[in-house]
N, C-alpha and C. Protein backbone atom coordinates (compact mmCIF):
# COMPACT_ATOMS: atom_id res chain seq x y z
N MET A 1 8.96 12.84 10.13
CA MET A 1 8.82 11.82 9.11
C MET A 1 7.36 11.40 9.02
N ILE A 2 6.89 11.29 7.79
CA ILE A 2 5.46 11.13 7.57
C ILE A 2 4.92 9.82 8.14
N ILE A 3 5.66 8.72 8.07
CA ILE A 3 5.17 7.46 8.62
C ILE A 3 4.99 7.57 10.14
N LYS A 4 5.88 8.27 10.81
CA LYS A 4 5.73 8.49 12.26
C LYS A 4 4.46 9.30 12.54
N GLN A 5 4.16 10.28 11.69
CA GLN A 5 2.93 11.06 11.86
C GLN A 5 1.71 10.16 11.69
N PHE A 6 1.75 9.26 10.70
CA PHE A 6 0.64 8.32 10.52
C PHE A 6 0.47 7.47 11.77
N GLU A 7 1.60 7.02 12.33
CA GLU A 7 1.55 6.17 13.53
C GLU A 7 0.95 6.93 14.70
N GLU A 8 1.36 8.19 14.89
CA GLU A 8 0.83 9.01 15.98
C GLU A 8 -0.67 9.25 15.84
N ARG A 9 -1.15 9.32 14.61
CA ARG A 9 -2.58 9.53 14.36
C ARG A 9 -3.38 8.24 14.44
N GLY A 10 -2.71 7.11 14.67
CA GLY A 10 -3.40 5.83 14.78
C GLY A 10 -3.83 5.26 13.45
N LEU A 11 -3.15 5.65 12.36
CA LEU A 11 -3.52 5.18 11.03
C LEU A 11 -2.81 3.89 10.65
N LEU A 12 -1.75 3.54 11.37
CA LEU A 12 -1.03 2.30 11.11
C LEU A 12 -1.59 1.23 12.03
N LEU A 13 -2.02 0.12 11.46
CA LEU A 13 -2.67 -0.95 12.22
C LEU A 13 -1.89 -2.25 12.04
N ASN A 14 -2.00 -3.13 13.01
CA ASN A 14 -1.32 -4.42 12.93
C ASN A 14 0.11 -4.24 12.43
N ILE A 15 0.83 -3.38 13.10
CA ILE A 15 2.17 -2.99 12.66
C ILE A 15 3.14 -4.16 12.77
N ALA A 16 3.70 -4.56 11.64
CA ALA A 16 4.77 -5.56 11.65
C ALA A 16 6.07 -4.85 12.04
N PHE A 17 6.29 -3.65 11.47
CA PHE A 17 7.42 -2.82 11.86
C PHE A 17 7.28 -1.43 11.28
N VAL A 18 7.90 -0.47 11.95
CA VAL A 18 8.22 0.86 11.45
C VAL A 18 9.70 0.99 11.76
N GLN A 19 10.51 1.08 10.71
CA GLN A 19 11.95 1.00 10.94
C GLN A 19 12.71 1.84 9.92
N GLU A 20 13.85 2.36 10.36
CA GLU A 20 14.72 3.10 9.44
C GLU A 20 15.08 2.20 8.27
N ALA A 21 15.21 2.83 7.10
CA ALA A 21 15.39 2.06 5.87
C ALA A 21 16.77 2.23 5.24
N GLY A 22 17.77 2.60 6.03
CA GLY A 22 19.13 2.62 5.53
C GLY A 22 19.60 3.95 4.98
N LYS A 23 18.73 4.94 4.91
CA LYS A 23 19.10 6.29 4.47
C LYS A 23 18.55 7.28 5.49
N PRO A 24 19.19 8.43 5.62
CA PRO A 24 18.67 9.43 6.56
C PRO A 24 17.24 9.83 6.21
N ASP A 25 16.43 10.01 7.25
CA ASP A 25 15.07 10.51 7.10
C ASP A 25 14.18 9.57 6.27
N THR A 26 14.52 8.27 6.26
CA THR A 26 13.78 7.30 5.46
C THR A 26 13.30 6.15 6.36
N LEU A 27 12.00 5.84 6.26
CA LEU A 27 11.40 4.79 7.07
C LEU A 27 10.65 3.80 6.19
N GLY A 28 10.64 2.54 6.64
CA GLY A 28 9.82 1.51 6.02
C GLY A 28 8.75 1.06 6.99
N PHE A 29 7.63 0.60 6.45
CA PHE A 29 6.51 0.12 7.26
C PHE A 29 5.87 -1.06 6.55
N ARG A 30 5.42 -2.04 7.34
CA ARG A 30 4.53 -3.10 6.85
C ARG A 30 3.45 -3.32 7.90
N GLY A 31 2.23 -3.51 7.42
CA GLY A 31 1.08 -3.74 8.28
C GLY A 31 -0.20 -3.43 7.54
N ARG A 32 -1.20 -2.94 8.26
CA ARG A 32 -2.46 -2.49 7.66
C ARG A 32 -2.52 -0.98 7.77
N LEU A 33 -3.22 -0.36 6.84
CA LEU A 33 -3.30 1.09 6.78
C LEU A 33 -4.76 1.52 6.81
N ALA A 34 -5.11 2.37 7.77
CA ALA A 34 -6.48 2.90 7.86
C ALA A 34 -6.72 3.88 6.72
N LEU A 35 -7.88 3.77 6.09
CA LEU A 35 -8.24 4.69 5.01
C LEU A 35 -9.25 5.73 5.46
N VAL A 36 -9.77 5.54 6.66
CA VAL A 36 -10.65 6.52 7.30
C VAL A 36 -10.25 6.58 8.77
N GLU A 37 -10.49 7.69 9.40
CA GLU A 37 -10.20 7.83 10.83
C GLU A 37 -11.12 6.90 11.61
N ALA A 38 -10.58 6.26 12.61
CA ALA A 38 -11.37 5.37 13.46
C ALA A 38 -12.21 6.20 14.43
N GLU A 39 -13.40 5.70 14.73
CA GLU A 39 -14.27 6.36 15.69
C GLU A 39 -13.81 6.04 17.11
N ALA A 40 -14.15 6.93 18.03
CA ALA A 40 -13.86 6.67 19.44
C ALA A 40 -14.64 5.43 19.86
N GLY A 41 -13.97 4.57 20.64
CA GLY A 41 -14.61 3.33 21.04
C GLY A 41 -15.14 3.35 22.46
N ASP A 42 -14.42 4.07 23.34
CA ASP A 42 -14.86 4.13 24.74
C ASP A 42 -14.33 5.40 25.39
N SER A 43 -14.70 5.60 26.63
CA SER A 43 -14.33 6.82 27.33
C SER A 43 -12.84 6.86 27.68
N ALA A 44 -12.13 5.73 27.58
CA ALA A 44 -10.69 5.68 27.88
C ALA A 44 -9.86 6.14 26.69
N GLY A 45 -10.51 6.47 25.57
CA GLY A 45 -9.77 6.95 24.40
C GLY A 45 -9.41 5.87 23.40
N ASN A 46 -9.81 4.64 23.67
CA ASN A 46 -9.56 3.56 22.70
C ASN A 46 -10.42 3.80 21.48
N ARG A 47 -9.89 3.40 20.33
CA ARG A 47 -10.62 3.59 19.08
C ARG A 47 -11.10 2.27 18.52
N LYS A 48 -12.21 2.34 17.77
CA LYS A 48 -12.70 1.18 17.05
C LYS A 48 -11.80 0.94 15.83
N THR A 49 -11.91 -0.25 15.26
CA THR A 49 -11.19 -0.53 14.03
C THR A 49 -11.83 0.28 12.91
N PRO A 50 -11.03 0.95 12.08
CA PRO A 50 -11.60 1.73 10.98
C PRO A 50 -12.40 0.84 10.03
N GLY A 51 -13.41 1.40 9.41
CA GLY A 51 -14.27 0.64 8.50
C GLY A 51 -13.61 0.28 7.19
N ILE A 52 -12.62 1.04 6.76
CA ILE A 52 -11.94 0.78 5.49
C ILE A 52 -10.44 0.76 5.76
N VAL A 53 -9.79 -0.33 5.35
CA VAL A 53 -8.34 -0.45 5.51
C VAL A 53 -7.72 -1.00 4.23
N MET A 54 -6.43 -0.75 4.08
CA MET A 54 -5.66 -1.40 3.02
C MET A 54 -4.85 -2.50 3.69
N GLU A 55 -5.02 -3.72 3.21
CA GLU A 55 -4.34 -4.88 3.76
C GLU A 55 -2.92 -4.97 3.19
N GLN A 56 -2.04 -5.68 3.92
CA GLN A 56 -0.70 -6.01 3.46
C GLN A 56 0.06 -4.78 2.94
N THR A 57 -0.07 -3.69 3.64
CA THR A 57 0.52 -2.43 3.19
C THR A 57 2.04 -2.42 3.37
N ILE A 58 2.70 -1.85 2.38
CA ILE A 58 4.14 -1.62 2.42
C ILE A 58 4.35 -0.15 2.08
N LEU A 59 5.00 0.57 2.99
CA LEU A 59 5.29 1.98 2.77
C LEU A 59 6.78 2.23 2.89
N LEU A 60 7.28 3.16 2.07
CA LEU A 60 8.63 3.68 2.22
C LEU A 60 8.49 5.19 2.12
N SER A 61 8.94 5.87 3.17
CA SER A 61 8.83 7.33 3.15
C SER A 61 10.22 7.94 3.24
N GLN A 62 10.33 9.12 2.66
CA GLN A 62 11.52 9.94 2.84
C GLN A 62 11.01 11.33 3.18
N GLY A 63 11.31 11.76 4.39
CA GLY A 63 10.81 13.05 4.84
C GLY A 63 9.30 13.00 4.95
N ASP A 64 8.64 13.95 4.28
CA ASP A 64 7.19 14.07 4.36
C ASP A 64 6.45 13.45 3.19
N HIS A 65 7.16 12.64 2.39
CA HIS A 65 6.53 12.06 1.20
C HIS A 65 6.74 10.55 1.13
N LEU A 66 5.79 9.90 0.50
CA LEU A 66 5.91 8.46 0.29
C LEU A 66 6.65 8.19 -1.00
N LYS A 67 7.66 7.35 -0.93
CA LYS A 67 8.38 6.90 -2.13
C LYS A 67 7.68 5.66 -2.70
N LEU A 68 7.15 4.80 -1.79
CA LEU A 68 6.47 3.58 -2.19
C LEU A 68 5.19 3.45 -1.38
N LEU A 69 4.12 3.15 -2.06
CA LEU A 69 2.82 2.85 -1.46
C LEU A 69 2.30 1.60 -2.16
N ALA A 70 2.22 0.50 -1.43
CA ALA A 70 1.73 -0.74 -2.01
C ALA A 70 0.84 -1.43 -1.00
N GLY A 71 -0.10 -2.21 -1.50
CA GLY A 71 -1.00 -2.94 -0.62
C GLY A 71 -2.13 -3.55 -1.40
N SER A 72 -3.14 -4.02 -0.66
CA SER A 72 -4.28 -4.69 -1.27
C SER A 72 -5.58 -4.08 -0.78
N LEU A 73 -6.41 -3.68 -1.72
CA LEU A 73 -7.76 -3.18 -1.43
C LEU A 73 -8.77 -4.24 -1.84
N ASP A 74 -9.81 -4.40 -1.02
CA ASP A 74 -10.89 -5.32 -1.39
C ASP A 74 -11.70 -4.77 -2.56
N ARG A 75 -11.87 -3.45 -2.57
CA ARG A 75 -12.73 -2.82 -3.58
C ARG A 75 -12.03 -1.61 -4.19
N LEU A 76 -12.07 -1.52 -5.50
CA LEU A 76 -11.52 -0.36 -6.19
C LEU A 76 -12.24 0.91 -5.72
N GLN A 77 -13.49 0.77 -5.32
CA GLN A 77 -14.28 1.91 -4.86
C GLN A 77 -13.66 2.59 -3.65
N ASP A 78 -12.71 1.93 -2.96
CA ASP A 78 -12.07 2.52 -1.78
C ASP A 78 -10.83 3.33 -2.10
N LEU A 79 -10.40 3.33 -3.37
CA LEU A 79 -9.21 4.10 -3.75
C LEU A 79 -9.34 5.59 -3.44
N PRO A 80 -10.48 6.24 -3.69
CA PRO A 80 -10.58 7.66 -3.34
C PRO A 80 -10.37 7.92 -1.84
N ALA A 81 -10.80 7.01 -0.97
CA ALA A 81 -10.58 7.19 0.47
C ALA A 81 -9.08 7.16 0.78
N LEU A 82 -8.34 6.27 0.12
CA LEU A 82 -6.89 6.21 0.28
C LEU A 82 -6.25 7.52 -0.15
N VAL A 83 -6.65 8.00 -1.31
CA VAL A 83 -6.07 9.24 -1.84
C VAL A 83 -6.42 10.43 -0.95
N GLU A 84 -7.67 10.48 -0.50
CA GLU A 84 -8.09 11.60 0.35
C GLU A 84 -7.32 11.62 1.66
N MET A 85 -7.13 10.45 2.27
CA MET A 85 -6.46 10.38 3.57
C MET A 85 -4.96 10.70 3.47
N TYR A 86 -4.32 10.31 2.36
CA TYR A 86 -2.86 10.41 2.27
C TYR A 86 -2.37 11.33 1.16
N HIS A 87 -3.25 12.19 0.63
CA HIS A 87 -2.88 13.03 -0.52
C HIS A 87 -1.66 13.91 -0.27
N ASP A 88 -1.48 14.39 0.95
CA ASP A 88 -0.33 15.26 1.23
C ASP A 88 1.00 14.52 1.13
N ALA A 89 0.99 13.21 1.28
CA ALA A 89 2.21 12.42 1.24
C ALA A 89 2.51 11.87 -0.15
N LEU A 90 1.55 12.00 -1.07
CA LEU A 90 1.72 11.46 -2.42
C LEU A 90 2.29 12.52 -3.35
N THR A 91 3.19 12.10 -4.23
CA THR A 91 3.78 12.99 -5.22
C THR A 91 3.77 12.28 -6.57
N PRO A 92 4.05 12.98 -7.66
CA PRO A 92 4.17 12.29 -8.95
C PRO A 92 5.27 11.22 -8.96
N GLU A 93 6.22 11.32 -8.05
CA GLU A 93 7.31 10.34 -7.97
C GLU A 93 6.96 9.12 -7.12
N THR A 94 5.85 9.17 -6.39
CA THR A 94 5.45 8.03 -5.56
C THR A 94 5.16 6.83 -6.45
N LEU A 95 5.77 5.70 -6.13
CA LEU A 95 5.47 4.45 -6.82
C LEU A 95 4.30 3.82 -6.07
N ALA A 96 3.13 3.83 -6.68
CA ALA A 96 1.90 3.34 -6.05
C ALA A 96 1.40 2.11 -6.80
N ILE A 97 1.51 0.95 -6.16
CA ILE A 97 1.08 -0.31 -6.75
C ILE A 97 0.05 -0.92 -5.81
N ILE A 98 -1.18 -1.00 -6.29
CA ILE A 98 -2.28 -1.47 -5.46
C ILE A 98 -2.90 -2.70 -6.10
N TYR A 99 -2.92 -3.79 -5.34
CA TYR A 99 -3.59 -5.01 -5.78
C TYR A 99 -5.05 -4.89 -5.34
N VAL A 100 -5.97 -5.15 -6.26
CA VAL A 100 -7.38 -4.89 -6.01
C VAL A 100 -8.18 -6.18 -6.22
N VAL A 101 -8.86 -6.61 -5.19
CA VAL A 101 -9.60 -7.87 -5.23
C VAL A 101 -10.69 -7.83 -6.28
N ASN A 102 -11.46 -6.77 -6.38
CA ASN A 102 -12.60 -6.79 -7.31
C ASN A 102 -12.28 -6.21 -8.69
N ALA A 103 -11.01 -5.96 -8.99
CA ALA A 103 -10.62 -5.51 -10.33
C ALA A 103 -10.57 -6.71 -11.26
N THR A 104 -10.94 -6.48 -12.52
CA THR A 104 -10.96 -7.57 -13.49
C THR A 104 -9.83 -7.47 -14.51
N THR A 105 -9.12 -6.37 -14.53
CA THR A 105 -8.04 -6.18 -15.49
C THR A 105 -7.02 -5.20 -14.92
N PRO A 106 -5.74 -5.33 -15.29
CA PRO A 106 -4.76 -4.32 -14.86
C PRO A 106 -5.10 -2.97 -15.49
N MET A 107 -4.88 -1.92 -14.76
CA MET A 107 -5.16 -0.57 -15.26
C MET A 107 -4.36 0.45 -14.46
N GLN A 108 -4.39 1.67 -14.95
CA GLN A 108 -3.73 2.78 -14.27
C GLN A 108 -4.74 3.91 -14.08
N VAL A 109 -4.68 4.54 -12.91
CA VAL A 109 -5.55 5.68 -12.62
C VAL A 109 -4.69 6.76 -11.98
N GLU A 110 -4.87 7.99 -12.41
CA GLU A 110 -4.14 9.10 -11.83
C GLU A 110 -5.04 9.88 -10.88
N PHE A 111 -4.50 10.16 -9.69
CA PHE A 111 -5.17 11.01 -8.71
C PHE A 111 -4.15 12.02 -8.23
N ASN A 112 -4.49 13.29 -8.27
CA ASN A 112 -3.63 14.36 -7.75
C ASN A 112 -2.20 14.25 -8.24
N GLY A 113 -2.00 13.86 -9.50
CA GLY A 113 -0.67 13.77 -10.06
C GLY A 113 0.06 12.48 -9.76
N CYS A 114 -0.51 11.61 -8.94
CA CYS A 114 0.12 10.33 -8.60
C CYS A 114 -0.54 9.22 -9.43
N ASN A 115 0.28 8.44 -10.13
CA ASN A 115 -0.23 7.35 -10.94
C ASN A 115 -0.32 6.08 -10.10
N PHE A 116 -1.50 5.47 -10.07
CA PHE A 116 -1.73 4.23 -9.34
C PHE A 116 -1.79 3.08 -10.33
N ALA A 117 -0.89 2.11 -10.16
CA ALA A 117 -0.97 0.87 -10.91
C ALA A 117 -1.92 -0.03 -10.14
N LEU A 118 -2.99 -0.48 -10.80
CA LEU A 118 -4.03 -1.28 -10.16
C LEU A 118 -4.02 -2.66 -10.80
N ILE A 119 -3.84 -3.68 -9.97
CA ILE A 119 -3.63 -5.04 -10.46
C ILE A 119 -4.63 -5.97 -9.79
N PRO A 120 -5.37 -6.77 -10.58
CA PRO A 120 -6.30 -7.72 -9.97
C PRO A 120 -5.56 -8.78 -9.16
N MET A 121 -6.05 -9.09 -7.97
CA MET A 121 -5.48 -10.18 -7.16
C MET A 121 -6.49 -10.56 -6.09
N GLN A 122 -7.02 -11.78 -6.18
CA GLN A 122 -7.98 -12.26 -5.20
C GLN A 122 -7.31 -13.04 -4.07
N GLU A 123 -6.15 -13.61 -4.34
CA GLU A 123 -5.41 -14.31 -3.30
C GLU A 123 -3.93 -14.10 -3.57
N GLY A 124 -3.15 -14.17 -2.52
CA GLY A 124 -1.72 -13.98 -2.66
C GLY A 124 -1.23 -12.99 -1.63
N VAL A 125 0.07 -12.77 -1.65
CA VAL A 125 0.72 -11.90 -0.69
C VAL A 125 1.41 -10.77 -1.46
N VAL A 126 1.07 -9.54 -1.13
CA VAL A 126 1.60 -8.38 -1.83
C VAL A 126 3.13 -8.40 -1.82
N TRP A 127 3.73 -8.67 -0.66
CA TRP A 127 5.20 -8.67 -0.57
C TRP A 127 5.79 -9.66 -1.58
N ASN A 128 5.26 -10.87 -1.62
CA ASN A 128 5.78 -11.89 -2.54
C ASN A 128 5.58 -11.49 -3.99
N GLU A 129 4.43 -10.93 -4.30
CA GLU A 129 4.16 -10.48 -5.68
C GLU A 129 5.17 -9.41 -6.10
N LEU A 130 5.42 -8.45 -5.22
CA LEU A 130 6.36 -7.38 -5.55
C LEU A 130 7.80 -7.88 -5.63
N MET A 131 8.14 -8.84 -4.78
CA MET A 131 9.48 -9.44 -4.87
C MET A 131 9.67 -10.09 -6.24
N ASP A 132 8.64 -10.78 -6.74
CA ASP A 132 8.72 -11.39 -8.07
C ASP A 132 8.86 -10.32 -9.15
N VAL A 133 8.04 -9.28 -9.07
CA VAL A 133 8.10 -8.21 -10.06
C VAL A 133 9.48 -7.56 -10.07
N ALA A 134 10.08 -7.39 -8.89
CA ALA A 134 11.39 -6.76 -8.78
C ALA A 134 12.53 -7.71 -9.14
N GLY A 135 12.22 -9.00 -9.30
CA GLY A 135 13.25 -9.97 -9.62
C GLY A 135 14.18 -10.27 -8.45
N LEU A 136 13.64 -10.17 -7.24
CA LEU A 136 14.42 -10.40 -6.03
C LEU A 136 14.05 -11.74 -5.41
N ASP A 137 14.96 -12.30 -4.64
CA ASP A 137 14.63 -13.49 -3.86
C ASP A 137 15.15 -13.29 -2.44
N LYS A 138 14.88 -14.25 -1.59
CA LYS A 138 15.22 -14.12 -0.17
C LYS A 138 16.71 -13.88 0.06
N ALA A 139 17.56 -14.43 -0.79
CA ALA A 139 19.01 -14.25 -0.64
C ALA A 139 19.40 -12.78 -0.77
N ASP A 140 18.63 -12.01 -1.54
CA ASP A 140 18.92 -10.58 -1.71
C ASP A 140 18.67 -9.79 -0.43
N LEU A 141 17.91 -10.36 0.48
CA LEU A 141 17.51 -9.66 1.70
C LEU A 141 18.22 -10.19 2.95
N LYS A 142 19.03 -11.20 2.76
CA LYS A 142 19.66 -11.88 3.90
C LYS A 142 20.47 -10.89 4.74
N LYS A 143 20.28 -11.01 6.04
CA LYS A 143 20.99 -10.21 7.05
C LYS A 143 20.72 -8.71 6.94
N LYS A 144 19.57 -8.34 6.43
CA LYS A 144 19.16 -6.93 6.34
C LYS A 144 18.04 -6.69 7.34
N GLY A 145 17.96 -5.48 7.85
CA GLY A 145 16.86 -5.10 8.72
C GLY A 145 15.57 -4.97 7.93
N SER A 146 14.44 -5.00 8.62
CA SER A 146 13.13 -4.94 7.96
C SER A 146 12.97 -3.68 7.11
N GLY A 147 13.35 -2.54 7.65
CA GLY A 147 13.25 -1.29 6.89
C GLY A 147 14.15 -1.31 5.66
N GLU A 148 15.34 -1.86 5.81
CA GLU A 148 16.27 -1.97 4.68
C GLU A 148 15.69 -2.86 3.59
N LYS A 149 14.96 -3.90 3.98
CA LYS A 149 14.34 -4.79 3.00
C LYS A 149 13.33 -4.03 2.13
N VAL A 150 12.59 -3.11 2.75
CA VAL A 150 11.65 -2.30 1.98
C VAL A 150 12.41 -1.42 0.99
N MET A 151 13.53 -0.86 1.42
CA MET A 151 14.34 -0.04 0.51
C MET A 151 14.89 -0.88 -0.65
N ILE A 152 15.34 -2.09 -0.36
CA ILE A 152 15.84 -2.98 -1.41
C ILE A 152 14.73 -3.31 -2.40
N LEU A 153 13.52 -3.59 -1.88
CA LEU A 153 12.38 -3.85 -2.75
C LEU A 153 12.10 -2.63 -3.63
N PHE A 154 12.06 -1.46 -3.02
CA PHE A 154 11.80 -0.23 -3.78
C PHE A 154 12.84 -0.05 -4.89
N ASN A 155 14.10 -0.23 -4.55
CA ASN A 155 15.16 -0.08 -5.56
C ASN A 155 15.00 -1.12 -6.66
N GLY A 156 14.60 -2.34 -6.30
CA GLY A 156 14.37 -3.38 -7.29
C GLY A 156 13.22 -3.08 -8.23
N LEU A 157 12.29 -2.27 -7.76
CA LEU A 157 11.14 -1.88 -8.58
C LEU A 157 11.43 -0.62 -9.41
N GLY A 158 12.66 -0.17 -9.40
CA GLY A 158 13.04 1.08 -10.06
C GLY A 158 12.64 1.20 -11.51
N SER A 159 12.64 0.11 -12.25
CA SER A 159 12.27 0.18 -13.67
C SER A 159 10.85 -0.35 -13.91
N TYR A 160 10.05 -0.40 -12.85
CA TYR A 160 8.68 -0.92 -12.95
C TYR A 160 7.86 -0.09 -13.93
N LYS A 161 7.18 -0.79 -14.82
CA LYS A 161 6.25 -0.16 -15.77
C LYS A 161 4.87 -0.76 -15.53
N ALA A 162 3.92 0.08 -15.18
CA ALA A 162 2.56 -0.38 -14.91
C ALA A 162 1.92 -0.93 -16.17
N LYS A 163 1.15 -2.01 -16.00
CA LYS A 163 0.41 -2.60 -17.11
C LYS A 163 -0.99 -2.01 -17.13
N GLY A 164 -1.64 -2.18 -18.24
CA GLY A 164 -3.01 -1.69 -18.37
C GLY A 164 -3.03 -0.27 -18.87
N GLU A 165 -4.15 0.09 -19.45
CA GLU A 165 -4.24 1.42 -20.01
C GLU A 165 -4.62 2.46 -18.95
N PRO A 166 -4.18 3.69 -19.16
CA PRO A 166 -4.59 4.76 -18.24
C PRO A 166 -6.09 5.04 -18.41
N LEU A 167 -6.78 5.07 -17.29
CA LEU A 167 -8.22 5.30 -17.30
C LEU A 167 -8.58 6.36 -16.27
N SER A 168 -9.71 7.00 -16.46
CA SER A 168 -10.26 7.84 -15.40
C SER A 168 -10.78 6.89 -14.33
N PHE A 169 -10.99 7.41 -13.13
CA PHE A 169 -11.51 6.55 -12.07
C PHE A 169 -12.87 5.99 -12.45
N ASP A 170 -13.72 6.80 -13.04
CA ASP A 170 -15.05 6.31 -13.44
C ASP A 170 -14.94 5.20 -14.47
N GLN A 171 -14.00 5.32 -15.42
CA GLN A 171 -13.79 4.24 -16.39
C GLN A 171 -13.28 2.99 -15.69
N ALA A 172 -12.37 3.17 -14.73
CA ALA A 172 -11.80 2.03 -14.01
C ALA A 172 -12.90 1.25 -13.28
N LEU A 173 -13.87 1.95 -12.75
CA LEU A 173 -14.95 1.29 -12.02
C LEU A 173 -15.73 0.31 -12.90
N THR A 174 -15.71 0.53 -14.22
CA THR A 174 -16.41 -0.39 -15.11
C THR A 174 -15.64 -1.70 -15.29
N HIS A 175 -14.44 -1.77 -14.74
CA HIS A 175 -13.61 -2.98 -14.82
C HIS A 175 -13.54 -3.67 -13.45
N THR A 176 -14.68 -3.71 -12.78
CA THR A 176 -14.77 -4.40 -11.48
C THR A 176 -15.92 -5.40 -11.55
N ALA A 177 -15.90 -6.33 -10.60
CA ALA A 177 -16.95 -7.35 -10.52
C ALA A 177 -17.18 -7.67 -9.05
N ASP A 178 -18.21 -8.45 -8.80
CA ASP A 178 -18.51 -8.87 -7.43
C ASP A 178 -17.60 -10.05 -7.07
N ILE A 179 -16.35 -9.72 -6.73
CA ILE A 179 -15.34 -10.73 -6.42
C ILE A 179 -14.90 -10.51 -4.98
N LYS A 180 -14.75 -11.60 -4.25
CA LYS A 180 -14.32 -11.53 -2.85
C LYS A 180 -12.91 -12.08 -2.72
N ARG A 181 -12.21 -11.62 -1.69
CA ARG A 181 -10.86 -12.10 -1.39
C ARG A 181 -10.91 -13.58 -1.04
N VAL A 182 -9.98 -14.35 -1.58
CA VAL A 182 -9.86 -15.75 -1.25
C VAL A 182 -8.98 -15.86 -0.02
N GLU A 183 -9.55 -16.39 1.04
CA GLU A 183 -8.81 -16.55 2.29
C GLU A 183 -8.42 -18.00 2.44
N ARG A 184 -7.17 -18.20 2.78
CA ARG A 184 -6.68 -19.55 3.03
C ARG A 184 -6.18 -19.58 4.46
N GLY A 185 -6.55 -20.60 5.18
CA GLY A 185 -6.14 -20.73 6.56
C GLY A 185 -5.53 -22.10 6.82
N ALA A 186 -5.33 -22.39 8.05
CA ALA A 186 -4.77 -23.69 8.44
C ALA A 186 -5.75 -24.79 8.05
N LEU A 187 -5.21 -25.88 7.60
CA LEU A 187 -6.06 -27.01 7.19
C LEU A 187 -6.29 -27.96 8.32
């Protein structure tokens, strides 16, 4: 299973869970996702934190392919690193919804046959945003395992239609600005 391979390679960070999602050969994941391989940190084999990550990542895999890829990138410029690292797991059927901090407008970009819905978001939680888009609430997830919740979210997004016009990656880059993520902490 592809998510297990990512885990073995050290690409899954701050893992909230990797769990079966209610169907054979299907796994759900939430956490951070490395977009580049981490460098060796010391002689004991520990690795440094990768320089580029996708925050608030939600993955659903079936076999060797991703059914759902969602998360938050600080910069649209990092999308090619995501595609390069995970291209073997992406298919035209992959639902890829990426919230982008420095994007100024919703848009769509195709890479290797996979359509990426790119949505501006400087603050917020990817999971909550997707729950709203899917029309789900907490009662829909009650008494379900974490992996099953990802499957329910994916099924709820079944009729999702990306907003924004299809653009080349170079065109999409013209719809970015110097915007930083809004961080909220304890008061």
